[in-house]
Amino acid sequence: MMMLMVCVFALALAVPASAADQDYVLWNPATNAVSHANASVDGPAVVTGTPGNYTIVITLKNEGTYMGITLPASYAYLNANDDSNPDYEISAVRSVAGGKTTFTISGVTSNTADLPIQLQTTVAGFHNAVHELVIKW
């Protein structure tokens, strides 16, 4: 019986962490949740990995609602700051398909700590800005 328990425990440790969905909002540290940014969030983040080395995947719709009007949006890049260093040291991998932009952020140390990001956004081809936001779990 003891040998069976040891085998089951060893197998449990050998199985990699599975993907888990986590709800989040995009937060402006100076104000609060950013309603027009959150209108572009397409479902929860997918989080995989282990403590100290998580991969977080977020998907944004290539449109947003601003003052009640839906406008096309695009996102050129997303950088993340995973520590107290003032630099945004993680550059997310970007992919665009089916009217959505997906960012994969690798090497994140915690899947529960808020994650500061820089998100470059272009709306309707005329408003272009880099927003400093926080992925708030």
N, C-alpha and C. Protein backbone atom coordinates (compact mmCIF):
# COMPACT_ATOMS: atom_id res chain seq x y z
N MET A 1 0.82 -1.19 0.00
CA MET A 1 0.00 0.00 0.00
C MET A 1 0.87 1.26 0.00
N MET A 2 1.92 1.22 0.84
CA MET A 2 2.82 2.38 0.92
C MET A 2 3.50 2.62 -0.43
N MET A 3 3.90 1.54 -1.10
CA MET A 3 4.55 1.67 -2.41
C MET A 3 3.60 2.29 -3.43
N LEU A 4 2.34 1.91 -3.39
CA LEU A 4 1.34 2.47 -4.29
C LEU A 4 1.17 3.96 -4.05
N MET A 5 1.13 4.36 -2.78
CA MET A 5 0.99 5.78 -2.45
C MET A 5 2.21 6.57 -2.92
N VAL A 6 3.40 6.01 -2.78
CA VAL A 6 4.62 6.69 -3.24
C VAL A 6 4.58 6.85 -4.76
N CYS A 7 4.14 5.84 -5.48
CA CYS A 7 4.04 5.92 -6.94
C CYS A 7 3.03 6.98 -7.38
N VAL A 8 1.88 7.02 -6.73
CA VAL A 8 0.86 8.02 -7.07
C VAL A 8 1.38 9.42 -6.80
N PHE A 9 2.07 9.62 -5.69
CA PHE A 9 2.63 10.92 -5.35
C PHE A 9 3.69 11.33 -6.38
N ALA A 10 4.55 10.40 -6.76
CA ALA A 10 5.59 10.70 -7.75
C ALA A 10 4.98 11.06 -9.10
N LEU A 11 3.93 10.37 -9.48
CA LEU A 11 3.24 10.66 -10.73
C LEU A 11 2.60 12.04 -10.68
N ALA A 12 2.02 12.39 -9.56
CA ALA A 12 1.39 13.70 -9.41
C ALA A 12 2.41 14.82 -9.56
N LEU A 13 3.62 14.63 -9.06
CA LEU A 13 4.67 15.63 -9.20
C LEU A 13 5.20 15.71 -10.63
N ALA A 14 5.13 14.62 -11.36
CA ALA A 14 5.67 14.59 -12.72
C ALA A 14 4.74 15.22 -13.74
N VAL A 15 3.46 15.32 -13.45
CA VAL A 15 2.49 15.87 -14.39
C VAL A 15 2.63 17.39 -14.40
N PRO A 16 2.82 17.99 -15.57
CA PRO A 16 2.96 19.45 -15.62
C PRO A 16 1.66 20.13 -15.23
N ALA A 17 1.80 21.37 -14.79
CA ALA A 17 0.61 22.15 -14.40
C ALA A 17 -0.29 22.35 -15.61
N SER A 18 -1.57 22.22 -15.41
CA SER A 18 -2.51 22.39 -16.52
C SER A 18 -2.93 23.85 -16.60
N ALA A 19 -3.55 24.19 -17.70
CA ALA A 19 -4.00 25.57 -17.92
C ALA A 19 -5.18 25.87 -17.01
N ALA A 20 -5.19 27.09 -16.51
CA ALA A 20 -6.29 27.55 -15.67
C ALA A 20 -6.71 28.93 -16.15
N ASP A 21 -8.01 29.15 -16.21
CA ASP A 21 -8.52 30.46 -16.59
C ASP A 21 -8.61 31.34 -15.36
N GLN A 22 -8.20 32.61 -15.51
CA GLN A 22 -8.29 33.56 -14.42
C GLN A 22 -8.91 34.85 -14.93
N ASP A 23 -9.95 35.31 -14.25
CA ASP A 23 -10.56 36.58 -14.60
C ASP A 23 -9.64 37.72 -14.21
N TYR A 24 -9.68 38.79 -14.99
CA TYR A 24 -8.87 39.96 -14.70
C TYR A 24 -9.55 41.20 -15.26
N VAL A 25 -9.10 42.35 -14.79
CA VAL A 25 -9.50 43.64 -15.36
C VAL A 25 -8.24 44.43 -15.65
N LEU A 26 -8.35 45.34 -16.60
CA LEU A 26 -7.25 46.27 -16.86
C LEU A 26 -7.49 47.48 -15.99
N TRP A 27 -6.51 47.82 -15.19
CA TRP A 27 -6.64 48.82 -14.15
C TRP A 27 -5.67 49.95 -14.42
N ASN A 28 -6.13 51.17 -14.28
CA ASN A 28 -5.26 52.33 -14.37
C ASN A 28 -4.84 52.66 -12.94
N PRO A 29 -3.55 52.58 -12.62
CA PRO A 29 -3.12 52.80 -11.24
C PRO A 29 -3.53 54.16 -10.69
N ALA A 30 -3.72 55.14 -11.56
CA ALA A 30 -4.07 56.49 -11.10
C ALA A 30 -5.57 56.63 -10.83
N THR A 31 -6.39 55.78 -11.43
CA THR A 31 -7.84 55.94 -11.27
C THR A 31 -8.47 54.66 -10.74
N ASN A 32 -8.82 53.76 -11.56
CA ASN A 32 -9.46 52.49 -11.21
C ASN A 32 -9.55 51.65 -12.47
N ALA A 33 -10.54 50.79 -12.51
CA ALA A 33 -10.76 49.99 -13.71
C ALA A 33 -11.02 50.92 -14.89
N VAL A 34 -10.53 50.55 -16.05
CA VAL A 34 -10.67 51.36 -17.25
C VAL A 34 -11.77 50.73 -18.09
N SER A 35 -12.97 51.30 -18.06
CA SER A 35 -14.13 50.65 -18.68
C SER A 35 -13.94 50.44 -20.17
N HIS A 36 -13.42 51.43 -20.90
CA HIS A 36 -13.29 51.22 -22.35
C HIS A 36 -12.20 50.20 -22.66
N ALA A 37 -11.16 50.09 -21.85
CA ALA A 37 -10.15 49.05 -22.06
C ALA A 37 -10.73 47.67 -21.75
N ASN A 38 -11.52 47.58 -20.69
CA ASN A 38 -12.09 46.29 -20.31
C ASN A 38 -13.16 45.82 -21.28
N ALA A 39 -13.74 46.74 -22.04
CA ALA A 39 -14.70 46.33 -23.07
C ALA A 39 -14.01 45.53 -24.17
N SER A 40 -12.68 45.68 -24.29
CA SER A 40 -11.93 44.95 -25.31
C SER A 40 -11.41 43.60 -24.83
N VAL A 41 -11.48 43.33 -23.53
CA VAL A 41 -11.01 42.06 -22.98
C VAL A 41 -11.92 40.94 -23.49
N ASP A 42 -11.31 39.90 -24.05
CA ASP A 42 -12.07 38.78 -24.59
C ASP A 42 -11.86 37.54 -23.72
N GLY A 43 -12.63 37.46 -22.65
CA GLY A 43 -12.58 36.29 -21.77
C GLY A 43 -11.44 36.34 -20.77
N PRO A 44 -11.37 35.33 -19.93
CA PRO A 44 -10.34 35.29 -18.89
C PRO A 44 -8.96 35.00 -19.48
N ALA A 45 -7.93 35.29 -18.69
CA ALA A 45 -6.56 34.94 -19.07
C ALA A 45 -6.38 33.44 -18.90
N VAL A 46 -5.52 32.85 -19.72
CA VAL A 46 -5.15 31.45 -19.56
C VAL A 46 -3.77 31.44 -18.92
N VAL A 47 -3.66 30.79 -17.77
CA VAL A 47 -2.41 30.78 -17.02
C VAL A 47 -1.90 29.34 -16.95
N THR A 48 -0.65 29.14 -17.34
CA THR A 48 0.00 27.83 -17.24
C THR A 48 1.35 28.02 -16.56
N GLY A 49 1.95 26.92 -16.16
CA GLY A 49 3.29 26.96 -15.58
C GLY A 49 3.30 26.64 -14.11
N THR A 50 4.40 27.02 -13.49
CA THR A 50 4.62 26.73 -12.09
C THR A 50 5.10 28.00 -11.39
N PRO A 51 5.02 28.06 -10.07
CA PRO A 51 5.46 29.25 -9.35
C PRO A 51 6.88 29.67 -9.79
N GLY A 52 7.02 30.95 -10.08
CA GLY A 52 8.28 31.48 -10.54
C GLY A 52 8.44 31.49 -12.04
N ASN A 53 7.58 30.76 -12.76
CA ASN A 53 7.70 30.70 -14.22
C ASN A 53 6.34 30.44 -14.87
N TYR A 54 5.43 31.40 -14.72
CA TYR A 54 4.11 31.27 -15.32
C TYR A 54 4.09 31.88 -16.71
N THR A 55 3.20 31.38 -17.55
CA THR A 55 2.90 31.98 -18.84
C THR A 55 1.45 32.42 -18.77
N ILE A 56 1.21 33.68 -19.13
CA ILE A 56 -0.13 34.26 -19.09
C ILE A 56 -0.50 34.67 -20.50
N VAL A 57 -1.67 34.23 -20.95
CA VAL A 57 -2.16 34.56 -22.28
C VAL A 57 -3.44 35.37 -22.13
N ILE A 58 -3.43 36.59 -22.68
CA ILE A 58 -4.65 37.41 -22.68
C ILE A 58 -5.04 37.69 -24.13
N THR A 59 -6.34 37.83 -24.35
CA THR A 59 -6.87 38.11 -25.68
C THR A 59 -7.71 39.37 -25.63
N LEU A 60 -7.46 40.26 -26.58
CA LEU A 60 -8.20 41.51 -26.69
C LEU A 60 -8.92 41.56 -28.03
N LYS A 61 -10.15 42.06 -28.02
CA LYS A 61 -10.90 42.25 -29.26
C LYS A 61 -10.31 43.44 -30.00
N ASN A 62 -10.27 43.36 -31.31
CA ASN A 62 -9.74 44.45 -32.12
C ASN A 62 -10.82 45.50 -32.36
N GLU A 63 -11.51 45.82 -31.29
CA GLU A 63 -12.50 46.90 -31.30
C GLU A 63 -12.76 47.29 -29.85
N GLY A 64 -13.26 48.47 -29.68
CA GLY A 64 -13.58 48.93 -28.34
C GLY A 64 -14.75 49.89 -28.38
N THR A 65 -15.40 50.02 -27.27
CA THR A 65 -16.54 50.93 -27.17
C THR A 65 -16.08 52.18 -26.42
N TYR A 66 -16.21 53.30 -27.07
CA TYR A 66 -15.79 54.58 -26.52
C TYR A 66 -16.97 55.53 -26.61
N MET A 67 -17.45 55.98 -25.46
CA MET A 67 -18.60 56.88 -25.39
C MET A 67 -19.79 56.31 -26.18
N GLY A 68 -20.00 55.00 -26.07
CA GLY A 68 -21.13 54.35 -26.71
C GLY A 68 -20.95 54.00 -28.17
N ILE A 69 -19.79 54.30 -28.73
CA ILE A 69 -19.52 54.03 -30.15
C ILE A 69 -18.47 52.93 -30.24
N THR A 70 -18.73 51.91 -31.07
CA THR A 70 -17.76 50.84 -31.27
C THR A 70 -16.82 51.24 -32.40
N LEU A 71 -15.51 51.23 -32.09
CA LEU A 71 -14.49 51.63 -33.05
C LEU A 71 -13.44 50.53 -33.19
N PRO A 72 -12.80 50.45 -34.37
CA PRO A 72 -11.73 49.46 -34.52
C PRO A 72 -10.52 49.84 -33.67
N ALA A 73 -9.86 48.85 -33.14
CA ALA A 73 -8.66 49.07 -32.32
C ALA A 73 -7.60 48.05 -32.71
N SER A 74 -6.35 48.43 -32.50
CA SER A 74 -5.24 47.50 -32.71
C SER A 74 -4.21 47.73 -31.60
N TYR A 75 -3.39 46.73 -31.39
CA TYR A 75 -2.43 46.74 -30.29
C TYR A 75 -1.09 46.29 -30.85
N ALA A 76 -0.12 47.21 -30.89
CA ALA A 76 1.18 46.89 -31.49
C ALA A 76 2.06 46.08 -30.56
N TYR A 77 2.01 46.37 -29.27
CA TYR A 77 2.84 45.61 -28.34
C TYR A 77 2.31 45.71 -26.91
N LEU A 78 2.79 44.77 -26.08
CA LEU A 78 2.51 44.76 -24.66
C LEU A 78 3.81 44.38 -23.96
N ASN A 79 4.24 45.21 -23.01
CA ASN A 79 5.41 44.92 -22.18
C ASN A 79 4.94 44.80 -20.74
N ALA A 80 5.57 43.90 -19.98
CA ALA A 80 5.18 43.69 -18.59
C ALA A 80 6.35 43.95 -17.65
N ASN A 81 6.02 44.40 -16.44
CA ASN A 81 7.01 44.65 -15.39
C ASN A 81 6.74 43.67 -14.27
N ASP A 82 7.57 42.64 -14.17
CA ASP A 82 7.32 41.55 -13.23
C ASP A 82 8.05 41.69 -11.90
N ASP A 83 8.67 42.83 -11.64
CA ASP A 83 9.33 43.02 -10.36
C ASP A 83 9.35 44.50 -10.02
N SER A 84 10.10 44.88 -9.02
CA SER A 84 10.11 46.28 -8.60
C SER A 84 11.01 47.14 -9.49
N ASN A 85 11.70 46.52 -10.42
CA ASN A 85 12.53 47.25 -11.37
C ASN A 85 11.63 48.18 -12.18
N PRO A 86 12.02 49.43 -12.39
CA PRO A 86 11.13 50.35 -13.11
C PRO A 86 11.00 50.05 -14.61
N ASP A 87 11.82 49.14 -15.13
CA ASP A 87 11.75 48.80 -16.55
C ASP A 87 10.69 47.73 -16.79
N TYR A 88 10.13 47.75 -17.98
CA TYR A 88 9.20 46.70 -18.40
C TYR A 88 10.03 45.64 -19.11
N GLU A 89 10.46 44.63 -18.35
CA GLU A 89 11.47 43.70 -18.84
C GLU A 89 10.94 42.53 -19.65
N ILE A 90 9.64 42.32 -19.68
CA ILE A 90 9.08 41.20 -20.44
C ILE A 90 8.31 41.75 -21.64
N SER A 91 8.71 41.35 -22.84
CA SER A 91 7.97 41.70 -24.05
C SER A 91 7.09 40.52 -24.41
N ALA A 92 5.80 40.76 -24.48
CA ALA A 92 4.85 39.68 -24.80
C ALA A 92 4.94 39.34 -26.28
N VAL A 93 4.67 38.08 -26.59
CA VAL A 93 4.57 37.64 -27.98
C VAL A 93 3.16 37.94 -28.44
N ARG A 94 3.05 38.59 -29.58
CA ARG A 94 1.76 39.06 -30.11
C ARG A 94 1.35 38.23 -31.32
N SER A 95 0.06 37.89 -31.38
CA SER A 95 -0.49 37.28 -32.59
C SER A 95 -1.88 37.87 -32.84
N VAL A 96 -2.23 38.00 -34.12
CA VAL A 96 -3.50 38.59 -34.49
C VAL A 96 -4.22 37.61 -35.41
N ALA A 97 -5.47 37.31 -35.07
CA ALA A 97 -6.28 36.41 -35.90
C ALA A 97 -7.75 36.57 -35.53
N GLY A 98 -8.61 36.49 -36.53
CA GLY A 98 -10.05 36.47 -36.28
C GLY A 98 -10.58 37.68 -35.54
N GLY A 99 -10.03 38.87 -35.78
CA GLY A 99 -10.52 40.06 -35.11
C GLY A 99 -10.09 40.19 -33.67
N LYS A 100 -9.05 39.45 -33.29
CA LYS A 100 -8.56 39.49 -31.90
C LYS A 100 -7.03 39.53 -31.89
N THR A 101 -6.48 40.13 -30.85
CA THR A 101 -5.04 40.14 -30.63
C THR A 101 -4.76 39.38 -29.34
N THR A 102 -3.84 38.44 -29.43
CA THR A 102 -3.47 37.63 -28.27
C THR A 102 -2.03 37.97 -27.88
N PHE A 103 -1.83 38.17 -26.58
CA PHE A 103 -0.49 38.41 -26.05
C PHE A 103 -0.13 37.27 -25.11
N THR A 104 1.06 36.70 -25.30
CA THR A 104 1.58 35.65 -24.44
C THR A 104 2.75 36.23 -23.66
N ILE A 105 2.59 36.27 -22.34
CA ILE A 105 3.59 36.85 -21.44
C ILE A 105 4.25 35.69 -20.70
N SER A 106 5.53 35.44 -20.96
CA SER A 106 6.23 34.30 -20.38
C SER A 106 7.19 34.73 -19.28
N GLY A 107 7.42 33.83 -18.34
CA GLY A 107 8.39 34.08 -17.28
C GLY A 107 7.89 34.94 -16.15
N VAL A 108 6.58 34.92 -15.90
CA VAL A 108 5.99 35.72 -14.83
C VAL A 108 6.13 34.95 -13.52
N THR A 109 6.54 35.64 -12.45
CA THR A 109 6.83 34.94 -11.20
C THR A 109 5.59 34.55 -10.40
N SER A 110 4.50 35.33 -10.51
CA SER A 110 3.31 35.05 -9.71
C SER A 110 2.06 35.12 -10.59
N ASN A 111 1.11 34.24 -10.31
CA ASN A 111 -0.16 34.29 -11.05
C ASN A 111 -1.27 34.92 -10.21
N THR A 112 -0.90 35.54 -9.09
CA THR A 112 -1.89 36.22 -8.27
C THR A 112 -1.54 37.69 -8.02
N ALA A 113 -0.28 38.06 -8.18
CA ALA A 113 0.13 39.46 -7.97
C ALA A 113 -0.27 40.28 -9.20
N ASP A 114 -0.76 41.49 -8.96
CA ASP A 114 -1.10 42.38 -10.07
C ASP A 114 0.14 42.61 -10.93
N LEU A 115 -0.06 42.69 -12.25
CA LEU A 115 1.06 42.77 -13.20
C LEU A 115 1.00 44.09 -13.97
N PRO A 116 1.93 45.02 -13.71
CA PRO A 116 1.97 46.28 -14.47
C PRO A 116 2.34 46.01 -15.93
N ILE A 117 1.65 46.67 -16.84
CA ILE A 117 1.93 46.52 -18.27
C ILE A 117 1.94 47.87 -18.97
N GLN A 118 2.58 47.89 -20.13
CA GLN A 118 2.47 48.98 -21.09
C GLN A 118 1.79 48.38 -22.31
N LEU A 119 0.68 48.98 -22.73
CA LEU A 119 -0.07 48.48 -23.88
C LEU A 119 -0.18 49.59 -24.91
N GLN A 120 0.40 49.37 -26.10
CA GLN A 120 0.30 50.35 -27.17
C GLN A 120 -1.00 50.08 -27.90
N THR A 121 -1.83 51.12 -28.01
CA THR A 121 -3.17 50.99 -28.58
C THR A 121 -3.38 52.06 -29.66
N THR A 122 -3.97 51.65 -30.76
CA THR A 122 -4.40 52.58 -31.80
C THR A 122 -5.89 52.38 -31.98
N VAL A 123 -6.65 53.48 -31.91
CA VAL A 123 -8.11 53.41 -32.06
C VAL A 123 -8.51 54.18 -33.31
N ALA A 124 -9.23 53.50 -34.18
CA ALA A 124 -9.78 54.08 -35.41
C ALA A 124 -8.70 54.74 -36.27
N GLY A 125 -7.45 54.35 -36.09
CA GLY A 125 -6.38 54.87 -36.91
C GLY A 125 -5.91 56.27 -36.56
N PHE A 126 -6.58 56.95 -35.61
CA PHE A 126 -6.16 58.32 -35.31
C PHE A 126 -5.70 58.53 -33.88
N HIS A 127 -6.14 57.73 -32.94
CA HIS A 127 -5.69 57.86 -31.55
C HIS A 127 -4.65 56.77 -31.30
N ASN A 128 -3.41 57.18 -31.04
CA ASN A 128 -2.32 56.24 -30.84
C ASN A 128 -1.61 56.60 -29.55
N ALA A 129 -1.59 55.67 -28.57
CA ALA A 129 -0.97 55.97 -27.27
C ALA A 129 -0.47 54.69 -26.61
N VAL A 130 0.50 54.87 -25.73
CA VAL A 130 0.98 53.78 -24.88
C VAL A 130 0.36 54.01 -23.51
N HIS A 131 -0.39 53.01 -23.04
CA HIS A 131 -1.10 53.12 -21.77
C HIS A 131 -0.37 52.29 -20.72
N GLU A 132 -0.14 52.88 -19.56
CA GLU A 132 0.42 52.13 -18.44
C GLU A 132 -0.76 51.65 -17.61
N LEU A 133 -0.94 50.34 -17.59
CA LEU A 133 -2.09 49.71 -16.93
C LEU A 133 -1.59 48.62 -16.00
N VAL A 134 -2.50 47.98 -15.31
CA VAL A 134 -2.20 46.84 -14.45
C VAL A 134 -3.19 45.74 -14.76
N ILE A 135 -2.68 44.53 -14.96
CA ILE A 135 -3.57 43.36 -15.03
C ILE A 135 -3.87 43.03 -13.58
N LYS A 136 -5.12 43.26 -13.18
CA LYS A 136 -5.55 43.08 -11.79
C LYS A 136 -6.40 41.81 -11.73
N TRP A 137 -5.93 40.85 -10.95
CA TRP A 137 -6.63 39.56 -10.83
C TRP A 137 -7.80 39.67 -9.88
